[in-house]
PDB file of all heavy atoms in Angstrom:
ATOM      1  N   TYR A   1     170.547 105.345 233.704  1.00  0.00           N
ATOM      2  CA  TYR A   1     169.907 104.123 234.256  1.00  0.00           C
ATOM      3  C   TYR A   1     170.406 102.885 233.565  1.00  0.00           C
ATOM      4  O   TYR A   1     170.703 101.860 234.281  1.00  0.00           O
ATOM      5  CB  TYR A   1     168.362 104.253 234.189  1.00  0.00           C
ATOM      6  CG  TYR A   1     167.589 103.020 234.582  1.00  0.00           C
ATOM      7  CD1 TYR A   1     167.351 102.716 235.876  1.00  0.00           C
ATOM      8  CD2 TYR A   1     167.175 102.116 233.648  1.00  0.00           C
ATOM      9  CE1 TYR A   1     166.659 101.649 236.280  1.00  0.00           C
ATOM     10  CE2 TYR A   1     166.507 101.006 234.023  1.00  0.00           C
ATOM     11  CZ  TYR A   1     166.197 100.782 235.362  1.00  0.00           C
ATOM     12  OH  TYR A   1     165.581  99.616 235.660  1.00  0.00           O
ATOM     13  N   LEU A   2     170.503 102.937 232.243  1.00  0.00           N
ATOM     14  CA  LEU A   2     170.936 101.764 231.520  1.00  0.00           C
ATOM     15  C   LEU A   2     172.324 101.495 231.857  1.00  0.00           C
ATOM     16  O   LEU A   2     172.681 100.271 232.084  1.00  0.00           O
ATOM     17  CB  LEU A   2     170.860 102.133 229.996  1.00  0.00           C
ATOM     18  CG  LEU A   2     171.260 101.040 229.045  1.00  0.00           C
ATOM     19  CD1 LEU A   2     170.468  99.772 229.233  1.00  0.00           C
ATOM     20  CD2 LEU A   2     171.271 101.526 227.663  1.00  0.00           C
ATOM     21  N   LEU A   3     173.214 102.431 232.012  1.00  0.00           N
ATOM     22  CA  LEU A   3     174.616 102.167 232.325  1.00  0.00           C
ATOM     23  C   LEU A   3     174.681 101.540 233.689  1.00  0.00           C
ATOM     24  O   LEU A   3     175.462 100.657 233.873  1.00  0.00           O
ATOM     25  CB  LEU A   3     175.446 103.496 232.213  1.00  0.00           C
ATOM     26  CG  LEU A   3     175.639 104.018 230.838  1.00  0.00           C
ATOM     27  CD1 LEU A   3     176.354 105.383 230.841  1.00  0.00           C
ATOM     28  CD2 LEU A   3     176.473 103.010 230.004  1.00  0.00           C
ATOM     29  N   LYS A   4     173.941 102.052 234.644  1.00  0.00           N
ATOM     30  CA  LYS A   4     174.020 101.525 235.983  1.00  0.00           C
ATOM     31  C   LYS A   4     173.514 100.108 236.092  1.00  0.00           C
ATOM     32  O   LYS A   4     173.956  99.367 236.911  1.00  0.00           O
ATOM     33  CB  LYS A   4     173.198 102.420 236.931  1.00  0.00           C
ATOM     34  CG  LYS A   4     173.776 103.696 237.390  1.00  0.00           C
ATOM     35  CD  LYS A   4     172.949 104.540 238.265  1.00  0.00           C
ATOM     36  CE  LYS A   4     173.534 105.844 238.441  1.00  0.00           C
ATOM     37  NZ  LYS A   4     172.545 106.768 239.315  1.00  0.00           N
ATOM     38  N   ASN A   5     172.568  99.723 235.126  1.00  0.00           N
ATOM     39  CA  ASN A   5     172.003  98.439 235.217  1.00  0.00           C
ATOM     40  C   ASN A   5     172.454  97.516 234.095  1.00  0.00           C
ATOM     41  O   ASN A   5     172.027  96.471 233.946  1.00  0.00           O
ATOM     42  CB  ASN A   5     170.487  98.584 235.151  1.00  0.00           C
ATOM     43  CG  ASN A   5     169.930  99.228 236.334  1.00  0.00           C
ATOM     44  OD1 ASN A   5     169.878  98.555 237.385  1.00  0.00           O
ATOM     45  ND2 ASN A   5     169.489 100.467 236.250  1.00  0.00           N
ATOM     46  N   LEU A   6     173.495  97.963 233.453  1.00  0.00           N
ATOM     47  CA  LEU A   6     174.151  97.210 232.331  1.00  0.00           C
ATOM     48  C   LEU A   6     174.545  95.803 232.819  1.00  0.00           C
ATOM     49  O   LEU A   6     174.319  94.789 232.140  1.00  0.00           O
ATOM     50  CB  LEU A   6     175.203  97.919 231.589  1.00  0.00           C
ATOM     51  CG  LEU A   6     175.682  97.362 230.330  1.00  0.00           C
ATOM     52  CD1 LEU A   6     174.539  97.216 229.322  1.00  0.00           C
ATOM     53  CD2 LEU A   6     176.747  98.298 229.730  1.00  0.00           C
ATOM     54  N   SER A   7     175.196  95.840 233.926  1.00  0.00           N
ATOM     55  CA  SER A   7     175.665  94.569 234.542  1.00  0.00           C
ATOM     56  C   SER A   7     174.550  93.519 234.713  1.00  0.00           C
ATOM     57  O   SER A   7     174.612  92.445 234.406  1.00  0.00           O
ATOM     58  CB  SER A   7     176.390  94.819 235.841  1.00  0.00           C
ATOM     59  OG  SER A   7     176.637  93.609 236.500  1.00  0.00           O
ATOM     60  N   TRP A   8     173.432  94.018 235.273  1.00  0.00           N
ATOM     61  CA  TRP A   8     172.254  93.208 235.463  1.00  0.00           C
ATOM     62  C   TRP A   8     171.709  92.639 234.159  1.00  0.00           C
ATOM     63  O   TRP A   8     171.359  91.565 234.032  1.00  0.00           O
ATOM     64  CB  TRP A   8     171.255  94.019 236.234  1.00  0.00           C
ATOM     65  CG  TRP A   8     169.901  93.235 236.452  1.00  0.00           C
ATOM     66  CD1 TRP A   8     169.727  92.362 237.508  1.00  0.00           C
ATOM     67  CD2 TRP A   8     168.723  93.288 235.728  1.00  0.00           C
ATOM     68  NE1 TRP A   8     168.429  91.829 237.454  1.00  0.00           N
ATOM     69  CE2 TRP A   8     167.844  92.425 236.401  1.00  0.00           C
ATOM     70  CE3 TRP A   8     168.386  94.054 234.625  1.00  0.00           C
ATOM     71  CZ2 TRP A   8     166.541  92.287 235.822  1.00  0.00           C
ATOM     72  CZ3 TRP A   8     167.100  93.866 234.124  1.00  0.00           C
ATOM     73  CH2 TRP A   8     166.203  93.002 234.776  1.00  0.00           C
ATOM     74  N   ILE A   9     171.676  93.553 233.147  1.00  0.00           N
ATOM     75  CA  ILE A   9     171.131  93.226 231.858  1.00  0.00           C
ATOM     76  C   ILE A   9     171.971  92.184 231.191  1.00  0.00           C
ATOM     77  O   ILE A   9     171.486  91.224 230.656  1.00  0.00           O
ATOM     78  CB  ILE A   9     170.966  94.484 230.973  1.00  0.00           C
ATOM     79  CG1 ILE A   9     169.869  95.359 231.511  1.00  0.00           C
ATOM     80  CG2 ILE A   9     170.691  94.173 229.488  1.00  0.00           C
ATOM     81  CD1 ILE A   9     169.881  96.798 230.935  1.00  0.00           C
ATOM     82  N   ILE A  10     173.252  92.376 231.258  1.00  0.00           N
ATOM     83  CA  ILE A  10     174.249  91.391 230.614  1.00  0.00           C
ATOM     84  C   ILE A  10     174.112  90.031 231.296  1.00  0.00           C
ATOM     85  O   ILE A  10     174.059  89.011 230.682  1.00  0.00           O
ATOM     86  CB  ILE A  10     175.675  91.990 230.720  1.00  0.00           C
ATOM     87  CG1 ILE A  10     175.814  93.143 229.728  1.00  0.00           C
ATOM     88  CG2 ILE A  10     176.682  90.802 230.440  1.00  0.00           C
ATOM     89  CD1 ILE A  10     177.186  93.885 229.912  1.00  0.00           C
ATOM     90  N   LYS A  11     173.955  90.056 232.611  1.00  0.00           N
ATOM     91  CA  LYS A  11     173.799  88.821 233.350  1.00  0.00           C
ATOM     92  C   LYS A  11     172.495  88.082 232.880  1.00  0.00           C
ATOM     93  O   LYS A  11     172.501  86.870 232.701  1.00  0.00           O
ATOM     94  CB  LYS A  11     173.659  89.022 234.858  1.00  0.00           C
ATOM     95  CG  LYS A  11     174.961  89.318 235.523  1.00  0.00           C
ATOM     96  CD  LYS A  11     174.799  89.534 237.000  1.00  0.00           C
ATOM     97  CE  LYS A  11     176.151  89.806 237.724  1.00  0.00           C
ATOM     98  NZ  LYS A  11     175.885  89.921 239.201  1.00  0.00           N
ATOM     99  N   LYS A  12     171.437  88.852 232.686  1.00  0.00           N
ATOM    100  CA  LYS A  12     170.176  88.257 232.228  1.00  0.00           C
ATOM    101  C   LYS A  12     170.309  87.601 230.786  1.00  0.00           C
ATOM    102  O   LYS A  12     169.871  86.565 230.570  1.00  0.00           O
ATOM    103  CB  LYS A  12     169.043  89.229 232.237  1.00  0.00           C
ATOM    104  CG  LYS A  12     168.538  89.609 233.590  1.00  0.00           C
ATOM    105  CD  LYS A  12     167.707  88.497 234.233  1.00  0.00           C
ATOM    106  CE  LYS A  12     167.071  88.887 235.477  1.00  0.00           C
ATOM    107  NZ  LYS A  12     166.445  87.881 236.203  1.00  0.00           N
ATOM    108  N   VAL A  13     171.025  88.362 229.937  1.00  0.00           N
ATOM    109  CA  VAL A  13     171.248  87.870 228.592  1.00  0.00           C
ATOM    110  C   VAL A  13     172.070  86.597 228.617  1.00  0.00           C
ATOM    111  O   VAL A  13     171.790  85.545 227.967  1.00  0.00           O
ATOM    112  CB  VAL A  13     171.879  88.978 227.746  1.00  0.00           C
ATOM    113  CG1 VAL A  13     172.400  88.403 226.347  1.00  0.00           C
ATOM    114  CG2 VAL A  13     170.848  90.131 227.509  1.00  0.00           C
ATOM    115  N   VAL A  14     173.129  86.594 229.393  1.00  0.00           N
ATOM    116  CA  VAL A  14     174.115  85.471 229.437  1.00  0.00           C
ATOM    117  C   VAL A  14     173.313  84.291 230.105  1.00  0.00           C
ATOM    118  O   VAL A  14     173.433  83.165 229.583  1.00  0.00           O
ATOM    119  CB  VAL A  14     175.350  85.805 230.276  1.00  0.00           C
ATOM    120  CG1 VAL A  14     176.137  84.568 230.606  1.00  0.00           C
ATOM    121  CG2 VAL A  14     176.155  86.795 229.473  1.00  0.00           C
ATOM    122  N   LYS A  15     172.569  84.472 231.148  1.00  0.00           N
ATOM    123  CA  LYS A  15     171.792  83.415 231.691  1.00  0.00           C
ATOM    124  C   LYS A  15     170.807  82.879 230.771  1.00  0.00           C
ATOM    125  O   LYS A  15     170.584  81.620 230.636  1.00  0.00           O
ATOM    126  CB  LYS A  15     171.036  83.946 233.058  1.00  0.00           C
ATOM    127  CG  LYS A  15     170.326  82.843 233.748  1.00  0.00           C
ATOM    128  CD  LYS A  15     171.351  81.810 234.324  1.00  0.00           C
ATOM    129  CE  LYS A  15     170.595  80.798 235.172  1.00  0.00           C
ATOM    130  NZ  LYS A  15     171.398  79.754 235.687  1.00  0.00           N
ATOM    131  N   HIS A  16     170.052  83.640 230.003  1.00  0.00           N
ATOM    132  CA  HIS A  16     169.172  83.237 228.978  1.00  0.00           C
ATOM    133  C   HIS A  16     169.857  82.394 227.926  1.00  0.00           C
ATOM    134  O   HIS A  16     169.337  81.339 227.539  1.00  0.00           O
ATOM    135  CB  HIS A  16     168.433  84.488 228.335  1.00  0.00           C
ATOM    136  CG  HIS A  16     167.517  84.051 227.247  1.00  0.00           C
ATOM    137  ND1 HIS A  16     166.302  83.416 227.543  1.00  0.00           N
ATOM    138  CD2 HIS A  16     167.656  84.108 225.939  1.00  0.00           C
ATOM    139  CE1 HIS A  16     165.735  83.219 226.394  1.00  0.00           C
ATOM    140  NE2 HIS A  16     166.425  83.549 225.357  1.00  0.00           N
ATOM    141  N   MET A  17     170.939  82.816 227.462  1.00  0.00           N
ATOM    142  CA  MET A  17     171.735  82.011 226.495  1.00  0.00           C
ATOM    143  C   MET A  17     172.150  80.662 227.109  1.00  0.00           C
ATOM    144  O   MET A  17     172.099  79.653 226.414  1.00  0.00           O
ATOM    145  CB  MET A  17     173.011  82.821 226.067  1.00  0.00           C
ATOM    146  CG  MET A  17     172.734  83.943 225.073  1.00  0.00           C
ATOM    147  SD  MET A  17     174.227  84.804 224.670  1.00  0.00           S
ATOM    148  CE  MET A  17     175.069  83.628 223.714  1.00  0.00           C
ATOM    149  N   TYR A  18     172.577  80.728 228.304  1.00  0.00           N
ATOM    150  CA  TYR A  18     173.036  79.367 229.069  1.00  0.00           C
ATOM    151  C   TYR A  18     171.874  78.447 229.106  1.00  0.00           C
ATOM    152  O   TYR A  18     172.076  77.260 228.996  1.00  0.00           O
ATOM    153  CB  TYR A  18     173.608  79.773 230.331  1.00  0.00           C
ATOM    154  CG  TYR A  18     174.103  78.577 231.093  1.00  0.00           C
ATOM    155  CD1 TYR A  18     175.325  78.030 230.757  1.00  0.00           C
ATOM    156  CD2 TYR A  18     173.389  77.964 232.135  1.00  0.00           C
ATOM    157  CE1 TYR A  18     175.880  76.926 231.443  1.00  0.00           C
ATOM    158  CE2 TYR A  18     173.838  76.825 232.825  1.00  0.00           C
ATOM    159  CZ  TYR A  18     175.024  76.319 232.387  1.00  0.00           C
ATOM    160  OH  TYR A  18     175.567  75.218 233.063  1.00  0.00           O
ATOM    161  N   GLU A  19     170.687  78.908 229.279  1.00  0.00           N
ATOM    162  CA  GLU A  19     169.501  78.062 229.470  1.00  0.00           C
ATOM    163  C   GLU A  19     168.842  77.731 228.101  1.00  0.00           C
ATOM    164  O   GLU A  19     167.732  77.084 228.092  1.00  0.00           O
ATOM    165  CB  GLU A  19     168.552  78.632 230.422  1.00  0.00           C
ATOM    166  CG  GLU A  19     169.075  78.741 231.861  1.00  0.00           C
ATOM    167  CD  GLU A  19     168.206  79.482 232.841  1.00  0.00           C
ATOM    168  OE1 GLU A  19     167.341  80.255 232.349  1.00  0.00           O
ATOM    169  OE2 GLU A  19     168.430  79.275 234.066  1.00  0.00           O
ATOM    170  N   SER A  20     169.435  78.156 227.018  1.00  0.00           N
ATOM    171  CA  SER A  20     168.847  77.978 225.685  1.00  0.00           C
ATOM    172  C   SER A  20     169.609  76.954 224.861  1.00  0.00           C
ATOM    173  O   SER A  20     170.518  76.333 225.391  1.00  0.00           O
ATOM    174  CB  SER A  20     168.753  79.331 224.911  1.00  0.00           C
ATOM    175  OG  SER A  20     170.007  79.687 224.519  1.00  0.00           O
ATOM    176  N   ASP A  21     169.221  76.860 223.635  1.00  0.00           N
ATOM    177  CA  ASP A  21     169.996  76.051 222.659  1.00  0.00           C
ATOM    178  C   ASP A  21     171.426  76.658 222.406  1.00  0.00           C
ATOM    179  O   ASP A  21     172.190  75.898 221.785  1.00  0.00           O
ATOM    180  CB  ASP A  21     169.256  75.917 221.355  1.00  0.00           C
ATOM    181  CG  ASP A  21     168.004  75.125 221.524  1.00  0.00           C
ATOM    182  OD1 ASP A  21     167.852  74.410 222.427  1.00  0.00           O
ATOM    183  OD2 ASP A  21     167.067  75.270 220.650  1.00  0.00           O
ATOM    184  N   TYR A  22     171.738  77.718 222.878  1.00  0.00           N
ATOM    185  CA  TYR A  22     173.041  78.354 222.654  1.00  0.00           C
ATOM    186  C   TYR A  22     174.055  78.065 223.825  1.00  0.00           C
ATOM    187  O   TYR A  22     175.177  78.635 223.754  1.00  0.00           O
ATOM    188  CB  TYR A  22     172.915  79.828 222.463  1.00  0.00           C
ATOM    189  CG  TYR A  22     172.122  80.240 221.297  1.00  0.00           C
ATOM    190  CD1 TYR A  22     170.814  80.664 221.313  1.00  0.00           C
ATOM    191  CD2 TYR A  22     172.740  80.263 219.946  1.00  0.00           C
ATOM    192  CE1 TYR A  22     170.116  81.017 220.180  1.00  0.00           C
ATOM    193  CE2 TYR A  22     172.036  80.537 218.862  1.00  0.00           C
ATOM    194  CZ  TYR A  22     170.728  80.914 219.002  1.00  0.00           C
ATOM    195  OH  TYR A  22     169.967  81.246 217.879  1.00  0.00           O
ATOM    196  N   LYS A  23     173.717  77.246 224.677  1.00  0.00           N
ATOM    197  CA  LYS A  23     174.555  76.896 225.839  1.00  0.00           C
ATOM    198  C   LYS A  23     175.938  76.385 225.379  1.00  0.00           C
ATOM    199  O   LYS A  23     176.964  76.841 225.888  1.00  0.00           O
ATOM    200  CB  LYS A  23     173.895  75.851 226.696  1.00  0.00           C
ATOM    201  CG  LYS A  23     174.737  75.352 227.860  1.00  0.00           C
ATOM    202  CD  LYS A  23     173.986  74.310 228.725  1.00  0.00           C
ATOM    203  CE  LYS A  23     174.847  73.899 229.830  1.00  0.00           C
ATOM    204  NZ  LYS A  23     174.204  72.969 230.712  1.00  0.00           N
ATOM    205  N   ILE A  24     175.959  75.528 224.443  1.00  0.00           N
ATOM    206  CA  ILE A  24     177.298  74.993 223.922  1.00  0.00           C
ATOM    207  C   ILE A  24     178.108  76.063 223.380  1.00  0.00           C
ATOM    208  O   ILE A  24     179.252  76.163 223.619  1.00  0.00           O
ATOM    209  CB  ILE A  24     177.059  73.682 223.010  1.00  0.00           C
ATOM    210  CG1 ILE A  24     176.520  72.620 223.781  1.00  0.00           C
ATOM    211  CG2 ILE A  24     178.349  73.424 222.344  1.00  0.00           C
ATOM    212  CD1 ILE A  24     176.096  71.460 222.973  1.00  0.00           C
ATOM    213  N   GLU A  25     177.545  76.933 222.489  1.00  0.00           N
ATOM    214  CA  GLU A  25     178.230  78.011 221.912  1.00  0.00           C
ATOM    215  C   GLU A  25     178.792  78.987 223.003  1.00  0.00           C
ATOM    216  O   GLU A  25     179.833  79.509 222.824  1.00  0.00           O
ATOM    217  CB  GLU A  25     177.312  78.788 220.861  1.00  0.00           C
ATOM    218  CG  GLU A  25     177.158  78.056 219.621  1.00  0.00           C
ATOM    219  CD  GLU A  25     176.048  76.990 219.669  1.00  0.00           C
ATOM    220  OE1 GLU A  25     175.365  76.896 220.638  1.00  0.00           O
ATOM    221  OE2 GLU A  25     176.097  76.185 218.690  1.00  0.00           O
ATOM    222  N   LEU A  26     177.941  79.267 224.010  1.00  0.00           N
ATOM    223  CA  LEU A  26     178.359  80.190 225.110  1.00  0.00           C
ATOM    224  C   LEU A  26     179.538  79.531 225.771  1.00  0.00           C
ATOM    225  O   LEU A  26     180.523  80.189 226.086  1.00  0.00           O
ATOM    226  CB  LEU A  26     177.284  80.360 226.058  1.00  0.00           C
ATOM    227  CG  LEU A  26     177.502  81.236 227.280  1.00  0.00           C
ATOM    228  CD1 LEU A  26     177.978  82.693 226.866  1.00  0.00           C
ATOM    229  CD2 LEU A  26     176.335  81.313 228.275  1.00  0.00           C
ATOM    230  N   GLU A  27     179.471  78.213 226.126  1.00  0.00           N
ATOM    231  CA  GLU A  27     180.618  77.529 226.814  1.00  0.00           C
ATOM    232  C   GLU A  27     181.870  77.501 225.901  1.00  0.00           C
ATOM    233  O   GLU A  27     182.964  77.779 226.422  1.00  0.00           O
ATOM    234  CB  GLU A  27     180.171  76.106 227.164  1.00  0.00           C
ATOM    235  CG  GLU A  27     179.192  76.105 228.355  1.00  0.00           C
ATOM    236  CD  GLU A  27     178.692  74.701 228.658  1.00  0.00           C
ATOM    237  OE1 GLU A  27     178.967  73.768 227.856  1.00  0.00           O
ATOM    238  OE2 GLU A  27     178.028  74.547 229.720  1.00  0.00           O
ATOM    239  N   LYS A  28     181.711  77.373 224.656  1.00  0.00           N
ATOM    240  CA  LYS A  28     182.878  77.389 223.758  1.00  0.00           C
ATOM    241  C   LYS A  28     183.465  78.793 223.640  1.00  0.00           C
ATOM    242  O   LYS A  28     184.698  78.903 223.689  1.00  0.00           O
ATOM    243  CB  LYS A  28     182.507  76.955 222.297  1.00  0.00           C
ATOM    244  CG  LYS A  28     182.195  75.472 222.079  1.00  0.00           C
ATOM    245  CD  LYS A  28     181.815  75.271 220.718  1.00  0.00           C
ATOM    246  CE  LYS A  28     181.507  73.780 220.530  1.00  0.00           C
ATOM    247  NZ  LYS A  28     181.059  73.523 219.103  1.00  0.00           N
ATOM    248  N   HIS A  29     182.622  79.744 223.716  1.00  0.00           N
ATOM    249  CA  HIS A  29     183.095  81.164 223.691  1.00  0.00           C
ATOM    250  C   HIS A  29     183.900  81.499 225.007  1.00  0.00           C
ATOM    251  O   HIS A  29     184.967  82.122 224.960  1.00  0.00           O
ATOM    252  CB  HIS A  29     181.907  82.135 223.548  1.00  0.00           C
ATOM    253  CG  HIS A  29     182.328  83.569 223.385  1.00  0.00           C
ATOM    254  ND1 HIS A  29     182.989  84.027 222.262  1.00  0.00           N
ATOM    255  CD2 HIS A  29     182.135  84.606 224.166  1.00  0.00           C
ATOM    256  CE1 HIS A  29     183.281  85.336 222.491  1.00  0.00           C
ATOM    257  NE2 HIS A  29     182.701  85.739 223.563  1.00  0.00           N
ATOM    258  N   ILE A  30     183.259  81.111 226.108  1.00  0.00           N
ATOM    259  CA  ILE A  30     183.973  81.315 227.494  1.00  0.00           C
ATOM    260  C   ILE A  30     185.248  80.583 227.424  1.00  0.00           C
ATOM    261  O   ILE A  30     186.340  81.140 227.873  1.00  0.00           O
ATOM    262  CB  ILE A  30     183.033  80.880 228.592  1.00  0.00           C
ATOM    263  CG1 ILE A  30     181.868  81.738 228.715  1.00  0.00           C
ATOM    264  CG2 ILE A  30     183.858  80.755 229.803  1.00  0.00           C
ATOM    265  CD1 ILE A  30     180.784  81.354 229.638  1.00  0.00           C
ATOM    266  N   PHE A  31     185.396  79.339 226.934  1.00  0.00           N
ATOM    267  CA  PHE A  31     186.576  78.630 226.912  1.00  0.00           C
ATOM    268  C   PHE A  31     187.587  79.312 225.925  1.00  0.00           C
ATOM    269  O   PHE A  31     188.805  79.407 226.333  1.00  0.00           O
ATOM    270  CB  PHE A  31     186.294  77.161 226.418  1.00  0.00           C
ATOM    271  CG  PHE A  31     187.526  76.253 226.522  1.00  0.00           C
ATOM    272  CD1 PHE A  31     187.845  75.726 227.715  1.00  0.00           C
ATOM    273  CD2 PHE A  31     188.214  75.885 225.365  1.00  0.00           C
ATOM    274  CE1 PHE A  31     188.925  74.879 227.879  1.00  0.00           C
ATOM    275  CE2 PHE A  31     189.342  75.039 225.526  1.00  0.00           C
ATOM    276  CZ  PHE A  31     189.698  74.505 226.805  1.00  0.00           C
ATOM    277  N   SER A  32     187.201  79.819 224.876  1.00  0.00           N
ATOM    278  CA  SER A  32     188.140  80.538 223.897  1.00  0.00           C
ATOM    279  C   SER A  32     188.614  81.769 224.598  1.00  0.00           C
ATOM    280  O   SER A  32     189.862  81.971 224.513  1.00  0.00           O
ATOM    281  CB  SER A  32     187.322  80.860 222.642  1.00  0.00           C
ATOM    282  OG  SER A  32     188.095  81.593 221.776  1.00  0.00           O
ATOM    283  N   ILE A  33     187.817  82.603 225.110  1.00  0.00           N
ATOM    284  CA  ILE A  33     188.273  83.809 225.797  1.00  0.00           C
ATOM    285  C   ILE A  33     189.192  83.541 226.976  1.00  0.00           C
ATOM    286  O   ILE A  33     190.215  84.197 227.109  1.00  0.00           O
ATOM    287  CB  ILE A  33     187.065  84.714 226.185  1.00  0.00           C
ATOM    288  CG1 ILE A  33     186.338  85.266 224.971  1.00  0.00           C
ATOM    289  CG2 ILE A  33     187.463  85.804 227.094  1.00  0.00           C
ATOM    290  CD1 ILE A  33     185.145  86.054 225.272  1.00  0.00           C
ATOM    291  N   SER A  34     188.799  82.548 227.829  1.00  0.00           N
ATOM    292  CA  SER A  34     189.732  82.140 228.924  1.00  0.00           C
ATOM    293  C   SER A  34     191.072  81.733 228.356  1.00  0.00           C
ATOM    294  O   SER A  34     192.117  82.087 228.949  1.00  0.00           O
ATOM    295  CB  SER A  34     189.113  80.989 229.682  1.00  0.00           C
ATOM    296  OG  SER A  34     187.827  81.411 230.234  1.00  0.00           O
ATOM    297  N   GLY A  35     191.114  81.025 227.225  1.00  0.00           N
ATOM    298  CA  GLY A  35     192.344  80.651 226.662  1.00  0.00           C
ATOM    299  C   GLY A  35     193.239  81.823 226.241  1.00  0.00           C
ATOM    300  O   GLY A  35     194.408  81.888 226.441  1.00  0.00           O
ATOM    301  N   GLU A  36     192.559  82.798 225.522  1.00  0.00           N
ATOM    302  CA  GLU A  36     193.310  83.996 225.132  1.00  0.00           C
ATOM    303  C   GLU A  36     193.881  84.650 226.366  1.00  0.00           C
ATOM    304  O   GLU A  36     195.088  85.049 226.297  1.00  0.00           O
ATOM    305  CB  GLU A  36     192.383  85.002 224.441  1.00  0.00           C
ATOM    306  CG  GLU A  36     192.134  84.672 223.053  1.00  0.00           C
ATOM    307  CD  GLU A  36     191.211  85.642 222.336  1.00  0.00           C
ATOM    308  OE1 GLU A  36     191.572  86.883 222.539  1.00  0.00           O
ATOM    309  OE2 GLU A  36     190.234  85.287 221.720  1.00  0.00           O
ATOM    310  N   ILE A  37     193.112  84.892 227.404  1.00  0.00           N
ATOM    311  CA  ILE A  37     193.602  85.529 228.546  1.00  0.00           C
ATOM    312  C   ILE A  37     194.831  84.838 229.230  1.00  0.00           C
ATOM    313  O   ILE A  37     195.755  85.437 229.522  1.00  0.00           O
ATOM    314  CB  ILE A  37     192.416  85.700 229.600  1.00  0.00           C
ATOM    315  CG1 ILE A  37     191.377  86.642 229.046  1.00  0.00           C
ATOM    316  CG2 ILE A  37     192.951  86.122 230.969  1.00  0.00           C
ATOM    317  CD1 ILE A  37     190.042  86.606 229.876  1.00  0.00           C
ATOM    318  N   MET A  38     194.613  83.517 229.423  1.00  0.00           N
ATOM    319  CA  MET A  38     195.611  82.716 230.086  1.00  0.00           C
ATOM    320  C   MET A  38     196.896  82.582 229.252  1.00  0.00           C
ATOM    321  O   MET A  38     198.000  82.676 229.761  1.00  0.00           O
ATOM    322  CB  MET A  38     195.138  81.369 230.473  1.00  0.00           C
ATOM    323  CG  MET A  38     194.074  81.451 231.549  1.00  0.00           C
ATOM    324  SD  MET A  38     194.373  82.551 232.986  1.00  0.00           S
ATOM    325  CE  MET A  38     196.004  82.099 233.554  1.00  0.00           C
ATOM    326  N   ARG A  39     196.765  82.470 227.880  1.00  0.00           N
ATOM    327  CA  ARG A  39     197.925  82.314 227.101  1.00  0.00           C
ATOM    328  C   ARG A  39     198.796  83.645 227.126  1.00  0.00           C
ATOM    329  O   ARG A  39     199.989  83.547 227.218  1.00  0.00           O
ATOM    330  CB  ARG A  39     197.570  82.023 225.580  1.00  0.00           C
ATOM    331  CG  ARG A  39     197.298  80.512 225.389  1.00  0.00           C
ATOM    332  CD  ARG A  39     197.085  80.125 223.984  1.00  0.00           C
ATOM    333  NE  ARG A  39     195.953  80.805 223.320  1.00  0.00           N
ATOM    334  CZ  ARG A  39     194.716  80.333 223.416  1.00  0.00           C
ATOM    335  NH1 ARG A  39     194.494  79.244 224.029  1.00  0.00           N
ATOM    336  NH2 ARG A  39     193.715  80.995 222.844  1.00  0.00           N
ATOM    337  N   LYS A  40     198.101  84.750 227.067  1.00  0.00           N
ATOM    338  CA  LYS A  40     198.814  86.026 227.139  1.00  0.00           C
ATOM    339  C   LYS A  40     199.475  86.239 228.456  1.00  0.00           C
ATOM    340  O   LYS A  40     200.633  86.606 228.604  1.00  0.00           O
ATOM    341  CB  LYS A  40     197.801  87.210 226.898  1.00  0.00           C
ATOM    342  CG  LYS A  40     197.423  87.333 225.426  1.00  0.00           C
ATOM    343  CD  LYS A  40     196.435  88.405 225.191  1.00  0.00           C
ATOM    344  CE  LYS A  40     196.002  88.468 223.778  1.00  0.00           C
ATOM    345  NZ  LYS A  40     194.907  89.497 223.491  1.00  0.00           N
TER     346      LYS A  40
END
């Protein structure tokens, strides 16, 4: 059940972070990971 719903759980965690004081850190992390992917 957990594995099947992991995507949903991750989405909830990410959305919660986005709507919290961690929004800037989340955006920086997304920017950093996007950079790694695109540079490679």
